[in-house]
């Protein structure tokens, strides 16, 4: 019986974590931070050709 309660607790915790990610739109906020970091990285790169 203890194993079932542990499994249910883990499933409930995972559900709450994914629900919080969905509710606060955290995945897209993380992608925005990564995008901004990559944009500054690529802007600093030396170019071979001028457009």
PDB file of N, CA and C in Angstrom:
ATOM      1  N   UNK A   1       0.822  -1.195   0.000  1.00  0.00           N
ATOM      2  CA  UNK A   1       0.000   0.000   0.000  1.00  0.00           C
ATOM      3  C   UNK A   1       0.870   1.265   0.000  1.00  0.00           C
ATOM      4  N   UNK A   2       2.024   1.194   0.654  1.00  0.00           N
ATOM      5  CA  UNK A   2       2.903   2.360   0.700  1.00  0.00           C
ATOM      6  C   UNK A   2       3.454   2.696  -0.678  1.00  0.00           C
ATOM      7  N   UNK A   3       3.714   1.685  -1.487  1.00  0.00           N
ATOM      8  CA  UNK A   3       4.254   1.909  -2.829  1.00  0.00           C
ATOM      9  C   UNK A   3       3.241   2.664  -3.686  1.00  0.00           C
ATOM     10  N   UNK A   4       1.978   2.325  -3.566  1.00  0.00           N
ATOM     11  CA  UNK A   4       0.928   2.991  -4.347  1.00  0.00           C
ATOM     12  C   UNK A   4       0.826   4.456  -3.942  1.00  0.00           C
ATOM     13  N   UNK A   5       0.915   4.750  -2.653  1.00  0.00           N
ATOM     14  CA  UNK A   5       0.861   6.141  -2.195  1.00  0.00           C
ATOM     15  C   UNK A   5       2.067   6.935  -2.692  1.00  0.00           C
ATOM     16  N   UNK A   6       3.234   6.311  -2.721  1.00  0.00           N
ATOM     17  CA  UNK A   6       4.428   6.989  -3.218  1.00  0.00           C
ATOM     18  C   UNK A   6       4.274   7.286  -4.708  1.00  0.00           C
ATOM     19  N   UNK A   7       3.783   6.312  -5.461  1.00  0.00           N
ATOM     20  CA  UNK A   7       3.585   6.508  -6.906  1.00  0.00           C
ATOM     21  C   UNK A   7       2.566   7.603  -7.154  1.00  0.00           C
ATOM     22  N   UNK A   8       1.457   7.591  -6.406  1.00  0.00           N
ATOM     23  CA  UNK A   8       0.452   8.640  -6.570  1.00  0.00           C
ATOM     24  C   UNK A   8       1.010  10.018  -6.200  1.00  0.00           C
ATOM     25  N   UNK A   9       1.837  10.083  -5.172  1.00  0.00           N
ATOM     26  CA  UNK A   9       2.452  11.353  -4.784  1.00  0.00           C
ATOM     27  C   UNK A   9       3.385  11.880  -5.857  1.00  0.00           C
ATOM     28  N   UNK A  10       4.172  10.988  -6.465  1.00  0.00           N
ATOM     29  CA  UNK A  10       5.088  11.397  -7.535  1.00  0.00           C
ATOM     30  C   UNK A  10       4.306  11.866  -8.753  1.00  0.00           C
ATOM     31  N   UNK A  11       3.256  11.141  -9.116  1.00  0.00           N
ATOM     32  CA  UNK A  11       2.434  11.530 -10.267  1.00  0.00           C
ATOM     33  C   UNK A  11       1.765  12.877 -10.005  1.00  0.00           C
ATOM     34  N   UNK A  12       1.254  13.085  -8.809  1.00  0.00           N
ATOM     35  CA  UNK A  12       0.622  14.356  -8.464  1.00  0.00           C
ATOM     36  C   UNK A  12       1.642  15.504  -8.495  1.00  0.00           C
ATOM     37  N   UNK A  13       2.842  15.261  -7.982  1.00  0.00           N
ATOM     38  CA  UNK A  13       3.877  16.297  -8.001  1.00  0.00           C
ATOM     39  C   UNK A  13       4.264  16.647  -9.437  1.00  0.00           C
ATOM     40  N   UNK A  14       4.441  15.641 -10.290  1.00  0.00           N
ATOM     41  CA  UNK A  14       4.772  15.912 -11.694  1.00  0.00           C
ATOM     42  C   UNK A  14       3.657  16.680 -12.391  1.00  0.00           C
ATOM     43  N   UNK A  15       2.417  16.327 -12.092  1.00  0.00           N
ATOM     44  CA  UNK A  15       1.290  17.047 -12.685  1.00  0.00           C
ATOM     45  C   UNK A  15       1.292  18.510 -12.247  1.00  0.00           C
ATOM     46  N   UNK A  16       1.517  18.748 -10.966  1.00  0.00           N
ATOM     47  CA  UNK A  16       1.513  20.128 -10.473  1.00  0.00           C
ATOM     48  C   UNK A  16       2.664  20.940 -11.064  1.00  0.00           C
ATOM     49  N   UNK A  17       3.811  20.318 -11.235  1.00  0.00           N
ATOM     50  CA  UNK A  17       4.950  21.018 -11.833  1.00  0.00           C
ATOM     51  C   UNK A  17       4.650  21.380 -13.284  1.00  0.00           C
ATOM     52  N   UNK A  18       4.140  20.417 -14.061  1.00  0.00           N
ATOM     53  CA  UNK A  18       3.826  20.716 -15.460  1.00  0.00           C
ATOM     54  C   UNK A  18       2.684  21.709 -15.580  1.00  0.00           C
ATOM     55  N   UNK A  19       1.724  21.667 -14.658  1.00  0.00           N
ATOM     56  CA  UNK A  19       0.633  22.632 -14.685  1.00  0.00           C
ATOM     57  C   UNK A  19       1.149  24.036 -14.396  1.00  0.00           C
ATOM     58  N   UNK A  20       2.088  24.166 -13.468  1.00  0.00           N
ATOM     59  CA  UNK A  20       2.662  25.480 -13.166  1.00  0.00           C
ATOM     60  C   UNK A  20       3.447  26.006 -14.359  1.00  0.00           C
ATOM     61  N   UNK A  21       4.175  25.129 -15.047  1.00  0.00           N
ATOM     62  CA  UNK A  21       4.901  25.541 -16.247  1.00  0.00           C
ATOM     63  C   UNK A  21       3.925  26.040 -17.302  1.00  0.00           C
ATOM     64  N   UNK A  22       2.810  25.341 -17.479  1.00  0.00           N
ATOM     65  CA  UNK A  22       1.794  25.758 -18.444  1.00  0.00           C
ATOM     66  C   UNK A  22       1.130  27.067 -18.011  1.00  0.00           C
ATOM     67  N   UNK A  23       0.742  27.160 -16.768  1.00  0.00           N
ATOM     68  CA  UNK A  23      -0.033  28.305 -16.272  1.00  0.00           C
ATOM     69  C   UNK A  23       0.765  29.609 -16.382  1.00  0.00           C
ATOM     70  N   UNK A  24       2.056  29.557 -16.023  1.00  0.00           N
ATOM     71  CA  UNK A  24       2.876  30.763 -16.036  1.00  0.00           C
ATOM     72  C   UNK A  24       3.658  30.927 -17.329  1.00  0.00           C
ATOM     73  N   UNK A  25       3.457  30.044 -18.306  1.00  0.00           N
ATOM     74  CA  UNK A  25       4.086  30.127 -19.622  1.00  0.00           C
ATOM     75  C   UNK A  25       5.616  30.149 -19.492  1.00  0.00           C
ATOM     76  N   UNK A  26       6.137  29.318 -18.600  1.00  0.00           N
ATOM     77  CA  UNK A  26       7.562  29.338 -18.298  1.00  0.00           C
ATOM     78  C   UNK A  26       8.402  28.794 -19.432  1.00  0.00           C
ATOM     79  N   UNK A  27       7.852  27.907 -20.232  1.00  0.00           N
ATOM     80  CA  UNK A  27       8.645  27.356 -21.323  1.00  0.00           C
ATOM     81  C   UNK A  27       8.974  28.432 -22.348  1.00  0.00           C
ATOM     82  N   UNK A  28       8.023  29.273 -22.691  1.00  0.00           N
ATOM     83  CA  UNK A  28       8.288  30.322 -23.668  1.00  0.00           C
ATOM     84  C   UNK A  28       9.168  31.427 -23.083  1.00  0.00           C
ATOM     85  N   UNK A  29       9.074  31.658 -21.772  1.00  0.00           N
ATOM     86  CA  UNK A  29       9.957  32.635 -21.143  1.00  0.00           C
ATOM     87  C   UNK A  29      11.397  32.144 -21.174  1.00  0.00           C
ATOM     88  N   UNK A  30      11.602  30.846 -20.967  1.00  0.00           N
ATOM     89  CA  UNK A  30      12.941  30.274 -21.053  1.00  0.00           C
ATOM     90  C   UNK A  30      13.471  30.359 -22.474  1.00  0.00           C
ATOM     91  N   UNK A  31      12.626  30.058 -23.461  1.00  0.00           N
ATOM     92  CA  UNK A  31      13.045  30.142 -24.858  1.00  0.00           C
ATOM     93  C   UNK A  31      13.419  31.582 -25.207  1.00  0.00           C
ATOM     94  N   UNK A  32      12.710  32.567 -24.684  1.00  0.00           N
ATOM     95  CA  UNK A  32      13.025  33.972 -24.954  1.00  0.00           C
ATOM     96  C   UNK A  32      14.403  34.330 -24.405  1.00  0.00           C
ATOM     97  N   UNK A  33      14.734  33.868 -23.213  1.00  0.00           N
ATOM     98  CA  UNK A  33      16.050  34.139 -22.630  1.00  0.00           C
ATOM     99  C   UNK A  33      17.139  33.495 -23.479  1.00  0.00           C
ATOM    100  N   UNK A  34      16.919  32.252 -23.885  1.00  0.00           N
ATOM    101  CA  UNK A  34      17.907  31.559 -24.716  1.00  0.00           C
ATOM    102  C   UNK A  34      18.047  32.265 -26.064  1.00  0.00           C
ATOM    103  N   UNK A  35      16.930  32.694 -26.649  1.00  0.00           N
ATOM    104  CA  UNK A  35      16.957  33.393 -27.934  1.00  0.00           C
ATOM    105  C   UNK A  35      17.745  34.698 -27.834  1.00  0.00           C
ATOM    106  N   UNK A  36      17.511  35.457 -26.774  1.00  0.00           N
ATOM    107  CA  UNK A  36      18.247  36.720 -26.598  1.00  0.00           C
ATOM    108  C   UNK A  36      19.736  36.469 -26.427  1.00  0.00           C
ATOM    109  N   UNK A  37      20.101  35.436 -25.676  1.00  0.00           N
ATOM    110  CA  UNK A  37      21.505  35.110 -25.484  1.00  0.00           C
ATOM    111  C   UNK A  37      22.148  34.694 -26.805  1.00  0.00           C
ATOM    112  N   UNK A  38      21.455  33.866 -27.573  1.00  0.00           N
ATOM    113  CA  UNK A  38      21.999  33.444 -28.862  1.00  0.00           C
ATOM    114  C   UNK A  38      22.095  34.614 -29.835  1.00  0.00           C
ATOM    115  N   UNK A  39      21.139  35.523 -29.792  1.00  0.00           N
ATOM    116  CA  UNK A  39      21.156  36.679 -30.684  1.00  0.00           C
ATOM    117  C   UNK A  39      22.381  37.552 -30.412  1.00  0.00           C
ATOM    118  N   UNK A  40      22.686  37.786 -29.142  1.00  0.00           N
ATOM    119  CA  UNK A  40      23.873  38.586 -28.845  1.00  0.00           C
ATOM    120  C   UNK A  40      25.137  37.842 -29.242  1.00  0.00           C
ATOM    121  N   UNK A  41      25.129  36.532 -29.090  1.00  0.00           N
ATOM    122  CA  UNK A  41      26.292  35.735 -29.496  1.00  0.00           C
ATOM    123  C   UNK A  41      26.524  35.842 -31.005  1.00  0.00           C
ATOM    124  N   UNK A  42      25.478  35.686 -31.790  1.00  0.00           N
ATOM    125  CA  UNK A  42      25.628  35.740 -33.239  1.00  0.00           C
ATOM    126  C   UNK A  42      25.876  37.152 -33.743  1.00  0.00           C
ATOM    127  N   UNK A  43      25.408  38.159 -33.029  1.00  0.00           N
ATOM    128  CA  UNK A  43      25.699  39.537 -33.426  1.00  0.00           C
ATOM    129  C   UNK A  43      27.173  39.879 -33.246  1.00  0.00           C
ATOM    130  N   UNK A  44      27.841  39.248 -32.275  1.00  0.00           N
ATOM    131  CA  UNK A  44      29.248  39.516 -32.012  1.00  0.00           C
ATOM    132  C   UNK A  44      30.182  38.740 -32.926  1.00  0.00           C
ATOM    133  N   UNK A  45      29.681  37.769 -33.659  1.00  0.00           N
ATOM    134  CA  UNK A  45      30.539  36.950 -34.518  1.00  0.00           C
ATOM    135  C   UNK A  45      31.097  37.773 -35.672  1.00  0.00           C
ATOM    136  N   UNK A  46      32.327  37.488 -36.032  1.00  0.00           N
ATOM    137  CA  UNK A  46      32.960  38.176 -37.145  1.00  0.00           C
ATOM    138  C   UNK A  46      32.389  37.613 -38.453  1.00  0.00           C
ATOM    139  N   UNK A  47      32.047  38.501 -39.356  1.00  0.00           N
ATOM    140  CA  UNK A  47      31.441  38.096 -40.624  1.00  0.00           C
ATOM    141  C   UNK A  47      32.490  37.964 -41.710  1.00  0.00           C
ATOM    142  N   UNK A  48      32.305  36.984 -42.570  1.00  0.00           N
ATOM    143  CA  UNK A  48      33.213  36.808 -43.721  1.00  0.00           C
ATOM    144  C   UNK A  48      32.846  37.762 -44.838  1.00  0.00           C
ATOM    145  N   UNK A  49      31.555  37.970 -45.025  1.00  0.00           N
ATOM    146  CA  UNK A  49      31.081  38.819 -46.120  1.00  0.00           C
ATOM    147  C   UNK A  49      30.100  39.834 -45.598  1.00  0.00           C
ATOM    148  N   UNK A  50      30.130  40.995 -46.187  1.00  0.00           N
ATOM    149  CA  UNK A  50      29.142  42.027 -45.854  1.00  0.00           C
ATOM    150  C   UNK A  50      27.929  41.855 -46.758  1.00  0.00           C
ATOM    151  N   UNK A  51      26.787  42.015 -46.193  1.00  0.00           N
ATOM    152  CA  UNK A  51      25.565  41.919 -47.004  1.00  0.00           C
ATOM    153  C   UNK A  51      25.180  43.263 -47.559  1.00  0.00           C
TER     154      UNK A  51
END
